[in-house]
Amino acid sequence: MCGYGSGVSASLYPSAAQAPLSPSIAGLAELTLETDDPAGLARFYAEVLGLEVISSQPDRVWLALSHDTRLGLWSPGAKEFGDRGGSHVHFAFAARRDRLPELAERIRTAGVEVRGPVAHPGGDSSIYFRDPAGNLVEAWDYLDRPRGRRDGVRALR
């Protein structure tokens, strides 16, 4: 642990997964990826993964990941706040356990190589694939399993 506690007792929450980890941060609102072709990459995420395009401009496209999280696909270059693309290792979508094989097949049908499902030691599974921009994407069913729902990210401690 890094020594920054939330100051909130987990006993106030029905599960540890619902207790805030930070008094100021409630979760991830958006993830933005840089791509030379925002519209083309958006088509992949909309047609293959079923995400809804919620906004489109010449230099960026926004897709809904959930009710309160969005994925941004931006063209290279500084934006209004000096935003610039950076490097990342990979990112993971929370996937429904019963739909993971179907999702893997849908991605394969689109001509994309999929690794998995890969079983993890705790019983959860993931699939891995690269989107058309080369980003390594994981679809992980951990949060859709009893332990994941109960413990959330705290189980990774």
N, C-alpha and C. Protein backbone atom coordinates (compact mmCIF):
# COMPACT_ATOMS: atom_id res chain seq x y z
N MET A 1 0.82 -1.19 0.00
CA MET A 1 0.00 0.00 0.00
C MET A 1 0.86 1.24 0.00
N CYS A 2 0.34 2.27 -0.62
CA CYS A 2 1.13 3.49 -0.75
C CYS A 2 0.94 4.44 0.42
N GLY A 3 0.02 4.16 1.33
CA GLY A 3 -0.16 5.02 2.48
C GLY A 3 -1.26 6.06 2.32
N TYR A 4 -1.92 6.10 1.20
CA TYR A 4 -3.01 7.05 1.00
C TYR A 4 -4.32 6.32 1.18
N GLY A 5 -4.93 6.42 2.32
CA GLY A 5 -6.20 5.76 2.57
C GLY A 5 -7.36 6.65 2.20
N SER A 6 -8.52 6.04 2.01
CA SER A 6 -9.69 6.83 1.65
C SER A 6 -10.32 7.49 2.86
N GLY A 7 -10.01 7.00 4.06
CA GLY A 7 -10.61 7.56 5.25
C GLY A 7 -12.06 7.15 5.42
N VAL A 8 -12.54 6.18 4.62
CA VAL A 8 -13.91 5.71 4.69
C VAL A 8 -13.88 4.26 5.14
N SER A 9 -14.69 3.94 6.12
CA SER A 9 -14.74 2.58 6.60
C SER A 9 -15.46 1.69 5.60
N ALA A 10 -14.84 0.58 5.24
CA ALA A 10 -15.46 -0.35 4.30
C ALA A 10 -16.73 -0.95 4.88
N SER A 11 -16.91 -0.92 6.21
CA SER A 11 -18.10 -1.50 6.80
C SER A 11 -19.36 -0.70 6.43
N LEU A 12 -19.22 0.50 5.91
CA LEU A 12 -20.37 1.29 5.48
C LEU A 12 -20.94 0.79 4.16
N TYR A 13 -20.21 -0.09 3.48
CA TYR A 13 -20.59 -0.54 2.15
C TYR A 13 -20.88 -2.03 2.18
N PRO A 14 -21.84 -2.50 1.39
CA PRO A 14 -22.16 -3.92 1.37
C PRO A 14 -21.01 -4.79 0.89
N SER A 15 -20.13 -4.25 0.06
CA SER A 15 -18.96 -5.01 -0.39
C SER A 15 -17.79 -4.06 -0.50
N ALA A 16 -16.60 -4.63 -0.39
CA ALA A 16 -15.40 -3.80 -0.51
C ALA A 16 -15.32 -3.15 -1.88
N ALA A 17 -15.90 -3.79 -2.89
CA ALA A 17 -15.84 -3.24 -4.25
C ALA A 17 -16.58 -1.92 -4.36
N GLN A 18 -17.54 -1.66 -3.46
CA GLN A 18 -18.32 -0.44 -3.55
C GLN A 18 -17.74 0.70 -2.71
N ALA A 19 -16.79 0.39 -1.84
CA ALA A 19 -16.19 1.43 -1.02
C ALA A 19 -15.23 2.26 -1.87
N PRO A 20 -15.28 3.58 -1.74
CA PRO A 20 -14.38 4.40 -2.55
C PRO A 20 -12.93 4.16 -2.18
N LEU A 21 -12.07 4.16 -3.20
CA LEU A 21 -10.64 3.99 -2.97
C LEU A 21 -9.98 5.33 -2.75
N SER A 22 -10.63 6.39 -3.14
CA SER A 22 -10.09 7.74 -3.01
C SER A 22 -11.22 8.67 -2.63
N PRO A 23 -10.96 9.63 -1.77
CA PRO A 23 -12.02 10.58 -1.43
C PRO A 23 -12.33 11.53 -2.58
N SER A 24 -11.47 11.60 -3.60
CA SER A 24 -11.64 12.56 -4.68
C SER A 24 -11.94 11.93 -6.04
N ILE A 25 -11.54 10.70 -6.26
CA ILE A 25 -11.68 10.05 -7.55
C ILE A 25 -12.72 8.94 -7.44
N ALA A 26 -13.72 8.98 -8.34
CA ALA A 26 -14.81 8.02 -8.29
C ALA A 26 -14.68 6.89 -9.31
N GLY A 27 -13.77 7.02 -10.27
CA GLY A 27 -13.63 5.98 -11.29
C GLY A 27 -13.01 6.57 -12.54
N LEU A 28 -13.04 5.81 -13.60
CA LEU A 28 -12.50 6.25 -14.87
C LEU A 28 -13.65 6.79 -15.72
N ALA A 29 -13.56 8.04 -16.14
CA ALA A 29 -14.60 8.66 -16.96
C ALA A 29 -14.35 8.43 -18.44
N GLU A 30 -13.07 8.50 -18.83
CA GLU A 30 -12.76 8.29 -20.25
C GLU A 30 -11.33 7.82 -20.41
N LEU A 31 -11.11 7.13 -21.50
CA LEU A 31 -9.79 6.72 -21.95
C LEU A 31 -9.68 7.20 -23.38
N THR A 32 -8.59 7.87 -23.71
CA THR A 32 -8.41 8.39 -25.06
C THR A 32 -7.19 7.74 -25.70
N LEU A 33 -7.38 7.23 -26.90
CA LEU A 33 -6.30 6.63 -27.67
C LEU A 33 -5.99 7.52 -28.86
N GLU A 34 -4.73 7.57 -29.24
CA GLU A 34 -4.33 8.35 -30.42
C GLU A 34 -4.27 7.41 -31.62
N THR A 35 -4.80 7.88 -32.75
CA THR A 35 -4.81 7.09 -33.97
C THR A 35 -4.78 8.01 -35.19
N ASP A 36 -4.18 7.53 -36.26
CA ASP A 36 -4.17 8.30 -37.51
C ASP A 36 -5.53 8.29 -38.19
N ASP A 37 -6.41 7.38 -37.78
CA ASP A 37 -7.72 7.24 -38.42
C ASP A 37 -8.82 7.08 -37.37
N PRO A 38 -9.22 8.18 -36.70
CA PRO A 38 -10.26 8.06 -35.67
C PRO A 38 -11.56 7.44 -36.18
N ALA A 39 -12.01 7.84 -37.36
CA ALA A 39 -13.27 7.31 -37.88
C ALA A 39 -13.17 5.82 -38.18
N GLY A 40 -12.05 5.40 -38.77
CA GLY A 40 -11.87 3.98 -39.07
C GLY A 40 -11.79 3.13 -37.82
N LEU A 41 -11.05 3.61 -36.82
CA LEU A 41 -10.94 2.87 -35.56
C LEU A 41 -12.29 2.84 -34.85
N ALA A 42 -13.05 3.93 -34.95
CA ALA A 42 -14.39 3.96 -34.36
C ALA A 42 -15.29 2.92 -35.02
N ARG A 43 -15.18 2.75 -36.34
CA ARG A 43 -15.98 1.73 -37.02
C ARG A 43 -15.66 0.35 -36.45
N PHE A 44 -14.38 0.06 -36.21
CA PHE A 44 -14.00 -1.22 -35.62
C PHE A 44 -14.68 -1.40 -34.26
N TYR A 45 -14.54 -0.42 -33.39
CA TYR A 45 -15.12 -0.56 -32.05
C TYR A 45 -16.65 -0.61 -32.09
N ALA A 46 -17.26 0.09 -33.01
CA ALA A 46 -18.72 0.06 -33.13
C ALA A 46 -19.21 -1.25 -33.76
N GLU A 47 -18.62 -1.63 -34.89
CA GLU A 47 -19.11 -2.79 -35.62
C GLU A 47 -18.69 -4.12 -35.00
N VAL A 48 -17.48 -4.19 -34.47
CA VAL A 48 -16.98 -5.46 -33.95
C VAL A 48 -17.29 -5.64 -32.47
N LEU A 49 -17.11 -4.59 -31.67
CA LEU A 49 -17.37 -4.72 -30.24
C LEU A 49 -18.75 -4.22 -29.83
N GLY A 50 -19.44 -3.53 -30.72
CA GLY A 50 -20.80 -3.09 -30.42
C GLY A 50 -20.90 -1.81 -29.62
N LEU A 51 -19.82 -1.01 -29.56
CA LEU A 51 -19.87 0.25 -28.83
C LEU A 51 -20.65 1.28 -29.64
N GLU A 52 -21.32 2.16 -28.95
CA GLU A 52 -22.11 3.21 -29.60
C GLU A 52 -21.28 4.47 -29.79
N VAL A 53 -21.26 4.99 -31.02
CA VAL A 53 -20.62 6.28 -31.29
C VAL A 53 -21.55 7.35 -30.73
N ILE A 54 -21.02 8.19 -29.82
CA ILE A 54 -21.86 9.22 -29.20
C ILE A 54 -21.51 10.62 -29.69
N SER A 55 -20.35 10.79 -30.32
CA SER A 55 -19.96 12.09 -30.85
C SER A 55 -18.85 11.88 -31.87
N SER A 56 -18.90 12.66 -32.93
CA SER A 56 -17.87 12.53 -33.96
C SER A 56 -17.52 13.91 -34.50
N GLN A 57 -16.25 14.20 -34.54
CA GLN A 57 -15.71 15.43 -35.12
C GLN A 57 -14.56 15.02 -36.03
N PRO A 58 -14.09 15.90 -36.89
CA PRO A 58 -13.02 15.49 -37.82
C PRO A 58 -11.76 14.94 -37.13
N ASP A 59 -11.43 15.43 -35.95
CA ASP A 59 -10.19 14.99 -35.30
C ASP A 59 -10.40 14.05 -34.12
N ARG A 60 -11.64 13.68 -33.82
CA ARG A 60 -11.90 12.80 -32.67
C ARG A 60 -13.28 12.17 -32.75
N VAL A 61 -13.38 11.00 -32.15
CA VAL A 61 -14.66 10.29 -32.05
C VAL A 61 -14.77 9.79 -30.61
N TRP A 62 -15.97 9.87 -30.06
CA TRP A 62 -16.24 9.36 -28.71
C TRP A 62 -17.21 8.20 -28.82
N LEU A 63 -16.93 7.12 -28.07
CA LEU A 63 -17.81 5.97 -28.00
C LEU A 63 -18.18 5.70 -26.55
N ALA A 64 -19.39 5.21 -26.32
CA ALA A 64 -19.83 4.87 -24.97
C ALA A 64 -19.33 3.47 -24.62
N LEU A 65 -18.62 3.38 -23.48
CA LEU A 65 -18.21 2.07 -22.96
C LEU A 65 -19.24 1.54 -21.97
N SER A 66 -19.81 2.44 -21.21
CA SER A 66 -20.83 2.12 -20.23
C SER A 66 -21.63 3.39 -20.00
N HIS A 67 -22.51 3.35 -19.06
CA HIS A 67 -23.33 4.53 -18.76
C HIS A 67 -22.47 5.74 -18.39
N ASP A 68 -21.32 5.49 -17.76
CA ASP A 68 -20.52 6.61 -17.26
C ASP A 68 -19.06 6.59 -17.69
N THR A 69 -18.72 5.82 -18.72
CA THR A 69 -17.34 5.76 -19.20
C THR A 69 -17.33 5.80 -20.72
N ARG A 70 -16.40 6.60 -21.27
CA ARG A 70 -16.33 6.69 -22.73
C ARG A 70 -14.91 6.45 -23.22
N LEU A 71 -14.83 6.07 -24.49
CA LEU A 71 -13.56 5.84 -25.17
C LEU A 71 -13.41 6.91 -26.23
N GLY A 72 -12.30 7.64 -26.18
CA GLY A 72 -12.03 8.67 -27.17
C GLY A 72 -10.97 8.18 -28.14
N LEU A 73 -11.16 8.48 -29.40
CA LEU A 73 -10.20 8.14 -30.45
C LEU A 73 -9.83 9.45 -31.12
N TRP A 74 -8.60 9.88 -30.92
CA TRP A 74 -8.17 11.21 -31.38
C TRP A 74 -7.06 11.10 -32.41
N SER A 75 -7.07 12.02 -33.36
CA SER A 75 -5.97 12.11 -34.31
C SER A 75 -4.75 12.69 -33.60
N PRO A 76 -3.54 12.43 -34.12
CA PRO A 76 -2.33 12.99 -33.50
C PRO A 76 -2.35 14.51 -33.52
N GLY A 77 -1.63 15.08 -32.59
CA GLY A 77 -1.51 16.53 -32.53
C GLY A 77 -2.08 17.08 -31.24
N ALA A 78 -1.55 18.22 -30.83
CA ALA A 78 -2.00 18.85 -29.59
C ALA A 78 -3.47 19.24 -29.71
N LYS A 79 -4.20 19.11 -28.64
CA LYS A 79 -5.61 19.47 -28.58
C LYS A 79 -5.76 20.69 -27.67
N GLU A 80 -6.99 21.01 -27.31
CA GLU A 80 -7.27 22.26 -26.61
C GLU A 80 -6.56 22.42 -25.27
N PHE A 81 -6.20 21.35 -24.62
CA PHE A 81 -5.51 21.47 -23.33
C PHE A 81 -4.07 20.99 -23.44
N GLY A 82 -3.52 20.98 -24.65
CA GLY A 82 -2.16 20.51 -24.85
C GLY A 82 -2.04 19.00 -24.79
N ASP A 83 -3.20 18.31 -24.91
CA ASP A 83 -3.20 16.85 -24.86
C ASP A 83 -2.34 16.29 -25.98
N ARG A 84 -1.62 15.25 -25.68
CA ARG A 84 -0.82 14.53 -26.66
C ARG A 84 -0.92 13.05 -26.35
N GLY A 85 -0.86 12.25 -27.39
CA GLY A 85 -0.88 10.81 -27.19
C GLY A 85 0.37 10.35 -26.48
N GLY A 86 0.27 9.23 -25.83
CA GLY A 86 1.41 8.67 -25.11
C GLY A 86 1.44 7.17 -25.31
N SER A 87 2.34 6.53 -24.64
CA SER A 87 2.47 5.08 -24.73
C SER A 87 1.70 4.43 -23.60
N HIS A 88 1.17 3.28 -23.88
CA HIS A 88 0.56 2.47 -22.83
C HIS A 88 0.84 1.01 -23.16
N VAL A 89 0.76 0.15 -22.16
CA VAL A 89 1.04 -1.27 -22.36
C VAL A 89 -0.18 -1.94 -22.98
N HIS A 90 -1.31 -1.81 -22.35
CA HIS A 90 -2.59 -2.31 -22.87
C HIS A 90 -3.69 -1.73 -22.01
N PHE A 91 -4.91 -1.95 -22.41
CA PHE A 91 -6.04 -1.60 -21.57
C PHE A 91 -7.05 -2.73 -21.62
N ALA A 92 -7.91 -2.78 -20.62
CA ALA A 92 -8.87 -3.89 -20.51
C ALA A 92 -10.28 -3.36 -20.39
N PHE A 93 -11.17 -3.98 -21.14
CA PHE A 93 -12.60 -3.75 -20.98
C PHE A 93 -13.13 -4.77 -19.98
N ALA A 94 -14.08 -4.39 -19.16
CA ALA A 94 -14.79 -5.34 -18.32
C ALA A 94 -15.79 -6.05 -19.22
N ALA A 95 -15.70 -7.38 -19.26
CA ALA A 95 -16.56 -8.16 -20.15
C ALA A 95 -17.52 -9.03 -19.34
N ARG A 96 -18.64 -9.32 -19.93
CA ARG A 96 -19.59 -10.25 -19.31
C ARG A 96 -19.07 -11.67 -19.50
N ARG A 97 -19.04 -12.41 -18.42
CA ARG A 97 -18.50 -13.77 -18.42
C ARG A 97 -19.19 -14.66 -19.45
N ASP A 98 -20.50 -14.62 -19.50
CA ASP A 98 -21.23 -15.49 -20.41
C ASP A 98 -21.13 -15.07 -21.87
N ARG A 99 -20.59 -13.88 -22.13
CA ARG A 99 -20.48 -13.39 -23.51
C ARG A 99 -19.05 -13.37 -24.04
N LEU A 100 -18.08 -13.74 -23.21
CA LEU A 100 -16.68 -13.68 -23.64
C LEU A 100 -16.39 -14.57 -24.86
N PRO A 101 -16.84 -15.83 -24.89
CA PRO A 101 -16.59 -16.64 -26.09
C PRO A 101 -17.25 -16.05 -27.35
N GLU A 102 -18.45 -15.53 -27.20
CA GLU A 102 -19.14 -14.91 -28.33
C GLU A 102 -18.37 -13.68 -28.83
N LEU A 103 -17.87 -12.89 -27.91
CA LEU A 103 -17.09 -11.71 -28.28
C LEU A 103 -15.82 -12.12 -29.02
N ALA A 104 -15.14 -13.15 -28.52
CA ALA A 104 -13.93 -13.64 -29.17
C ALA A 104 -14.24 -14.08 -30.60
N GLU A 105 -15.34 -14.78 -30.78
CA GLU A 105 -15.71 -15.25 -32.12
C GLU A 105 -16.06 -14.08 -33.04
N ARG A 106 -16.76 -13.10 -32.51
CA ARG A 106 -17.11 -11.92 -33.32
C ARG A 106 -15.86 -11.19 -33.79
N ILE A 107 -14.86 -11.09 -32.92
CA ILE A 107 -13.60 -10.42 -33.27
C ILE A 107 -12.85 -11.25 -34.31
N ARG A 108 -12.81 -12.57 -34.11
CA ARG A 108 -12.15 -13.44 -35.10
C ARG A 108 -12.83 -13.35 -36.46
N THR A 109 -14.16 -13.32 -36.46
CA THR A 109 -14.92 -13.21 -37.71
C THR A 109 -14.58 -11.92 -38.45
N ALA A 110 -14.19 -10.89 -37.72
CA ALA A 110 -13.77 -9.63 -38.34
C ALA A 110 -12.34 -9.70 -38.86
N GLY A 111 -11.70 -10.87 -38.74
CA GLY A 111 -10.36 -11.05 -39.27
C GLY A 111 -9.25 -10.66 -38.33
N VAL A 112 -9.58 -10.53 -37.05
CA VAL A 112 -8.59 -10.12 -36.05
C VAL A 112 -8.19 -11.35 -35.24
N GLU A 113 -6.89 -11.54 -35.06
CA GLU A 113 -6.40 -12.65 -34.26
C GLU A 113 -6.72 -12.41 -32.79
N VAL A 114 -7.24 -13.44 -32.13
CA VAL A 114 -7.61 -13.36 -30.72
C VAL A 114 -6.85 -14.43 -29.96
N ARG A 115 -6.25 -14.05 -28.87
CA ARG A 115 -5.61 -15.01 -27.97
C ARG A 115 -6.58 -15.27 -26.83
N GLY A 116 -6.92 -16.52 -26.63
CA GLY A 116 -7.80 -16.87 -25.52
C GLY A 116 -9.14 -17.40 -26.00
N PRO A 117 -10.01 -17.62 -25.02
CA PRO A 117 -9.91 -17.19 -23.63
C PRO A 117 -8.74 -17.82 -22.88
N VAL A 118 -8.08 -16.96 -22.11
CA VAL A 118 -6.97 -17.36 -21.26
C VAL A 118 -7.51 -17.43 -19.84
N ALA A 119 -7.40 -18.60 -19.22
CA ALA A 119 -7.86 -18.78 -17.84
C ALA A 119 -6.79 -18.26 -16.88
N HIS A 120 -7.22 -17.48 -15.90
CA HIS A 120 -6.33 -16.95 -14.88
C HIS A 120 -6.47 -17.76 -13.60
N PRO A 121 -5.49 -17.72 -12.69
CA PRO A 121 -5.51 -18.55 -11.49
C PRO A 121 -6.77 -18.43 -10.63
N GLY A 122 -7.39 -17.28 -10.56
CA GLY A 122 -8.57 -17.11 -9.72
C GLY A 122 -9.87 -17.58 -10.36
N GLY A 123 -9.81 -18.11 -11.58
CA GLY A 123 -11.01 -18.60 -12.25
C GLY A 123 -11.56 -17.63 -13.29
N ASP A 124 -11.03 -16.43 -13.34
CA ASP A 124 -11.48 -15.47 -14.33
C ASP A 124 -10.76 -15.72 -15.64
N SER A 125 -11.27 -15.13 -16.72
CA SER A 125 -10.71 -15.34 -18.05
C SER A 125 -10.63 -14.03 -18.81
N SER A 126 -9.72 -14.01 -19.79
CA SER A 126 -9.55 -12.85 -20.65
C SER A 126 -9.34 -13.30 -22.09
N ILE A 127 -9.65 -12.41 -23.02
CA ILE A 127 -9.19 -12.56 -24.39
C ILE A 127 -8.34 -11.33 -24.69
N TYR A 128 -7.41 -11.48 -25.62
CA TYR A 128 -6.50 -10.40 -25.99
C TYR A 128 -6.50 -10.28 -27.50
N PHE A 129 -6.49 -9.05 -28.00
CA PHE A 129 -6.43 -8.82 -29.44
C PHE A 129 -5.87 -7.42 -29.67
N ARG A 130 -5.44 -7.17 -30.89
CA ARG A 130 -4.96 -5.84 -31.26
C ARG A 130 -6.02 -5.17 -32.13
N ASP A 131 -6.31 -3.93 -31.79
CA ASP A 131 -7.24 -3.18 -32.63
C ASP A 131 -6.50 -2.73 -33.90
N PRO A 132 -7.20 -2.16 -34.88
CA PRO A 132 -6.53 -1.77 -36.13
C PRO A 132 -5.41 -0.75 -35.96
N ALA A 133 -5.38 -0.02 -34.85
CA ALA A 133 -4.29 0.94 -34.61
C ALA A 133 -3.11 0.29 -33.90
N GLY A 134 -3.21 -1.00 -33.58
CA GLY A 134 -2.11 -1.71 -32.93
C GLY A 134 -2.18 -1.75 -31.42
N ASN A 135 -3.22 -1.19 -30.81
CA ASN A 135 -3.35 -1.22 -29.35
C ASN A 135 -3.70 -2.63 -28.89
N LEU A 136 -3.03 -3.10 -27.84
CA LEU A 136 -3.37 -4.39 -27.25
C LEU A 136 -4.57 -4.18 -26.34
N VAL A 137 -5.64 -4.90 -26.63
CA VAL A 137 -6.89 -4.76 -25.90
C VAL A 137 -7.21 -6.08 -25.21
N GLU A 138 -7.62 -5.99 -23.97
CA GLU A 138 -8.05 -7.16 -23.22
C GLU A 138 -9.53 -7.02 -22.92
N ALA A 139 -10.26 -8.10 -23.02
CA ALA A 139 -11.63 -8.16 -22.52
C ALA A 139 -11.58 -9.19 -21.39
N TRP A 140 -11.90 -8.75 -20.18
CA TRP A 140 -11.65 -9.52 -18.96
C TRP A 140 -12.95 -9.68 -18.19
N ASP A 141 -13.28 -10.90 -17.80
CA ASP A 141 -14.55 -11.16 -17.12
C ASP A 141 -14.45 -11.13 -15.59
N TYR A 142 -13.34 -10.68 -15.05
CA TYR A 142 -13.12 -10.69 -13.60
C TYR A 142 -14.23 -9.99 -12.82
N LEU A 143 -14.63 -8.79 -13.25
CA LEU A 143 -15.63 -8.03 -12.49
C LEU A 143 -17.03 -8.61 -12.63
N ASP A 144 -17.22 -9.59 -13.52
CA ASP A 144 -18.52 -10.25 -13.69
C ASP A 144 -18.56 -11.60 -12.97
N ARG A 145 -17.59 -11.85 -12.14
CA ARG A 145 -17.55 -13.08 -11.35
C ARG A 145 -17.77 -12.73 -9.89
N PRO A 146 -18.23 -13.69 -9.07
CA PRO A 146 -18.53 -13.36 -7.67
C PRO A 146 -17.38 -12.67 -6.93
N ARG A 147 -16.17 -13.19 -7.06
CA ARG A 147 -15.05 -12.56 -6.34
C ARG A 147 -14.80 -11.14 -6.84
N GLY A 148 -14.86 -10.95 -8.13
CA GLY A 148 -14.65 -9.62 -8.70
C GLY A 148 -15.73 -8.64 -8.26
N ARG A 149 -16.99 -9.08 -8.26
CA ARG A 149 -18.09 -8.22 -7.80
C ARG A 149 -17.92 -7.89 -6.32
N ARG A 150 -17.49 -8.89 -5.54
CA ARG A 150 -17.35 -8.70 -4.10
C ARG A 150 -16.14 -7.85 -3.74
N ASP A 151 -14.98 -8.16 -4.31
CA ASP A 151 -13.73 -7.55 -3.88
C ASP A 151 -13.25 -6.43 -4.80
N GLY A 152 -13.72 -6.41 -6.04
CA GLY A 152 -13.26 -5.41 -6.98
C GLY A 152 -11.74 -5.44 -7.13
N VAL A 153 -11.15 -4.31 -7.37
CA VAL A 153 -9.71 -4.24 -7.59
C VAL A 153 -8.91 -4.56 -6.34
N ARG A 154 -9.53 -4.49 -5.18
CA ARG A 154 -8.81 -4.80 -3.93
C ARG A 154 -8.29 -6.24 -3.90
N ALA A 155 -8.92 -7.12 -4.66
CA ALA A 155 -8.47 -8.52 -4.68
C ALA A 155 -7.07 -8.64 -5.29
N LEU A 156 -6.62 -7.63 -5.99
CA LEU A 156 -5.31 -7.68 -6.62
C LEU A 156 -4.19 -7.25 -5.67
N ARG A 157 -4.54 -6.85 -4.46
CA ARG A 157 -3.52 -6.45 -3.49
C ARG A 157 -2.66 -7.60 -3.09
